[in-house]
Amino acid sequence: MPEQTVPAPSPANRVRIVVASTVMLTFISFWSAAAIVLNDLASSAFYAVGIAEQDFGKSAPWIVLGVMLFSFAVRAVYVESCSMFTRGGVYRIVKEGLGGTFAKVSVSALMFDYVLTGPVSGVSAGQYIVGLLNELLRICAGHPALGGLLLSSPGHAI
């Protein structure tokens, strides 16, 4: 029986498909994705507390915790509203609710947040590490035995 070959469709007749779904999540592990998201959330909380402490004093962590709990409630509503649409996402949700102009503004604000969060989180983490080291050195200066233990190199006697 002779083999039949099907001619390839012309470029104008080809169907172009872009896979933009949860299939893309198979390329990154669940734990890696969770680490990225939680790091973004936690770093935002840390530098928000530092900024809020200037105005609220020592109660700033509790105020930020309240804001985070409120954000969690808003996120729950957002996730539920995403399930009502075929393809969720900020643009689709806002476009359906408020129109195209607001959708473009919300997506640009989200992209600005993604671009800005990385450097701000890096600077914030650096400031926290320097603050921790300064505090440890201040404590070690008051205790000579502890200071010698922390500042000595491995393999050398104190």
Protein backbone atom coordinates (compact mmCIF):
# COMPACT_ATOMS: atom_id res chain seq x y z
CA MET A 1 0.00 0.00 0.00
CA PRO A 2 1.61 3.32 -1.00
CA GLU A 3 2.21 5.88 1.73
CA GLN A 4 0.21 9.03 1.43
CA THR A 5 1.84 12.28 2.40
CA VAL A 6 -0.14 15.29 3.44
CA PRO A 7 1.25 18.54 2.10
CA ALA A 8 2.25 21.10 4.72
CA PRO A 9 -0.19 23.99 4.98
CA SER A 10 0.93 27.34 3.68
CA PRO A 11 2.12 29.89 6.26
CA ALA A 12 -1.09 31.87 5.83
CA ASN A 13 -3.23 28.81 6.68
CA ARG A 14 -1.26 27.64 9.72
CA VAL A 15 -2.82 27.86 13.13
CA ARG A 16 -0.56 29.68 15.55
CA ILE A 17 -0.92 28.50 19.14
CA VAL A 18 0.69 30.04 22.19
CA VAL A 19 0.56 27.95 25.36
CA ALA A 20 -0.14 30.34 28.20
CA SER A 21 -1.56 28.21 30.96
CA THR A 22 -0.57 26.12 33.94
CA VAL A 23 1.43 23.89 31.57
CA MET A 24 4.15 26.53 31.82
CA LEU A 25 4.35 25.82 35.55
CA THR A 26 5.79 22.38 34.83
CA PHE A 27 9.11 24.04 34.02
CA ILE A 28 9.48 25.49 37.53
CA SER A 29 8.98 23.42 40.65
CA PHE A 30 6.26 24.20 43.16
CA TRP A 31 8.81 24.96 45.86
CA SER A 32 10.76 27.36 43.64
CA ALA A 33 7.60 29.23 42.73
CA ALA A 34 6.51 29.34 46.37
CA ALA A 35 9.93 30.62 47.43
CA ILE A 36 9.76 33.45 44.90
CA VAL A 37 6.26 34.49 45.92
CA LEU A 38 6.87 34.23 49.67
CA ASN A 39 10.18 36.09 49.40
CA ASP A 40 8.43 38.90 47.56
CA LEU A 41 5.68 39.05 50.17
CA ALA A 42 8.01 38.77 53.16
CA SER A 43 10.48 41.36 51.91
CA SER A 44 7.63 43.78 51.30
CA ALA A 45 6.42 43.21 54.86
CA PHE A 46 9.90 43.77 56.29
CA TYR A 47 10.57 47.09 54.66
CA ALA A 48 6.97 48.20 55.20
CA VAL A 49 7.49 47.70 58.94
CA GLY A 50 10.67 49.77 58.80
CA ILE A 51 8.90 52.61 57.05
CA ALA A 52 5.78 52.40 59.23
CA GLU A 53 7.84 52.39 62.43
CA GLN A 54 8.80 56.00 61.80
CA ASP A 55 5.14 57.04 62.10
CA PHE A 56 3.58 54.40 64.34
CA GLY A 57 6.46 53.58 66.68
CA LYS A 58 6.72 50.15 68.26
CA SER A 59 3.19 49.15 67.21
CA ALA A 60 4.17 49.19 63.51
CA PRO A 61 4.57 45.39 63.18
CA TRP A 62 1.01 44.90 64.43
CA ILE A 63 -0.35 47.47 62.02
CA VAL A 64 1.50 45.85 59.12
CA LEU A 65 0.18 42.45 60.24
CA GLY A 66 -3.34 43.87 60.07
CA VAL A 67 -2.69 45.18 56.57
CA MET A 68 -1.31 41.77 55.55
CA LEU A 69 -4.43 40.01 56.88
CA PHE A 70 -6.60 42.48 54.97
CA SER A 71 -4.50 41.80 51.86
CA PHE A 72 -5.06 38.08 52.37
CA ALA A 73 -8.82 38.65 52.40
CA VAL A 74 -8.62 40.76 49.23
CA ARG A 75 -6.51 38.04 47.59
CA ALA A 76 -9.14 35.44 48.46
CA VAL A 77 -11.82 37.55 46.76
CA TYR A 78 -9.51 38.06 43.76
CA VAL A 79 -8.82 34.32 43.40
CA GLU A 80 -12.53 33.58 43.55
CA SER A 81 -13.28 36.23 40.93
CA CYS A 82 -10.54 34.79 38.68
CA SER A 83 -12.30 31.43 38.70
CA MET A 84 -15.43 33.06 37.27
CA PHE A 85 -13.56 34.02 34.10
CA THR A 86 -12.18 31.58 31.54
CA ARG A 87 -8.72 33.06 31.67
CA GLY A 88 -8.09 35.07 34.77
CA GLY A 89 -5.45 37.67 35.26
CA VAL A 90 -5.30 41.28 36.19
CA TYR A 91 -5.96 42.62 32.69
CA ARG A 92 -8.96 40.42 32.03
CA ILE A 93 -10.56 41.01 35.43
CA VAL A 94 -10.11 44.78 35.37
CA LYS A 95 -11.16 45.05 31.72
CA GLU A 96 -14.38 43.17 32.43
CA GLY A 97 -15.10 45.27 35.52
CA LEU A 98 -13.81 48.76 34.74
CA GLY A 99 -12.87 48.92 31.07
CA GLY A 100 -9.78 48.88 28.88
CA THR A 101 -8.12 52.07 30.13
CA PHE A 102 -8.14 50.98 33.76
CA ALA A 103 -6.96 47.52 32.70
CA LYS A 104 -3.91 49.02 30.98
CA VAL A 105 -3.17 51.19 34.01
CA SER A 106 -3.45 48.23 36.39
CA VAL A 107 -1.17 46.03 34.28
CA SER A 108 1.43 48.78 33.96
CA ALA A 109 1.29 49.32 37.73
CA LEU A 110 1.75 45.59 38.27
CA MET A 111 4.74 45.47 35.91
CA PHE A 112 6.22 48.53 37.63
CA ASP A 113 5.78 46.74 40.96
CA TYR A 114 7.57 43.63 39.66
CA VAL A 115 10.47 45.65 38.28
CA LEU A 116 10.79 47.80 41.41
CA THR A 117 10.33 45.09 44.04
CA GLY A 118 13.57 43.26 43.18
CA PRO A 119 16.02 46.14 43.77
CA VAL A 120 14.10 47.48 46.75
CA SER A 121 14.04 44.02 48.34
CA GLY A 122 17.78 43.63 47.72
CA VAL A 123 18.58 46.98 49.33
CA SER A 124 16.22 46.24 52.22
CA ALA A 125 17.82 42.82 52.79
CA GLY A 126 21.28 44.42 52.74
CA GLN A 127 20.23 47.00 55.33
CA TYR A 128 18.79 44.30 57.58
CA ILE A 129 21.98 42.22 57.32
CA VAL A 130 24.18 45.23 58.10
CA GLY A 131 21.93 46.11 61.04
CA LEU A 132 22.16 42.55 62.33
CA LEU A 133 25.95 42.50 62.02
CA ASN A 134 26.26 45.88 63.76
CA GLU A 135 24.07 44.65 66.61
CA LEU A 136 26.05 41.42 66.93
CA LEU A 137 29.34 43.33 66.99
CA ARG A 138 27.95 45.71 69.62
CA ILE A 139 26.90 42.77 71.80
CA CYS A 140 30.23 41.01 71.23
CA ALA A 141 32.17 44.12 72.25
CA GLY A 142 30.60 43.88 75.71
CA HIS A 143 31.52 40.20 76.12
CA PRO A 144 35.19 39.49 75.31
CA ALA A 145 34.80 35.69 75.35
CA LEU A 146 31.79 35.79 73.03
CA GLY A 147 33.51 38.31 70.76
CA GLY A 148 36.60 36.14 70.48
CA LEU A 149 34.44 33.12 69.66
CA LEU A 150 32.51 34.89 66.92
CA LEU A 151 35.41 36.79 65.40
CA SER A 152 38.08 34.06 65.49
CA SER A 153 38.81 32.09 62.35
CA PRO A 154 38.12 28.33 62.36
CA GLY A 155 40.97 26.15 63.58
CA HIS A 156 42.57 28.86 65.72
CA ALA A 157 42.53 28.95 69.49
CA ILE A 158 40.75 31.81 71.20
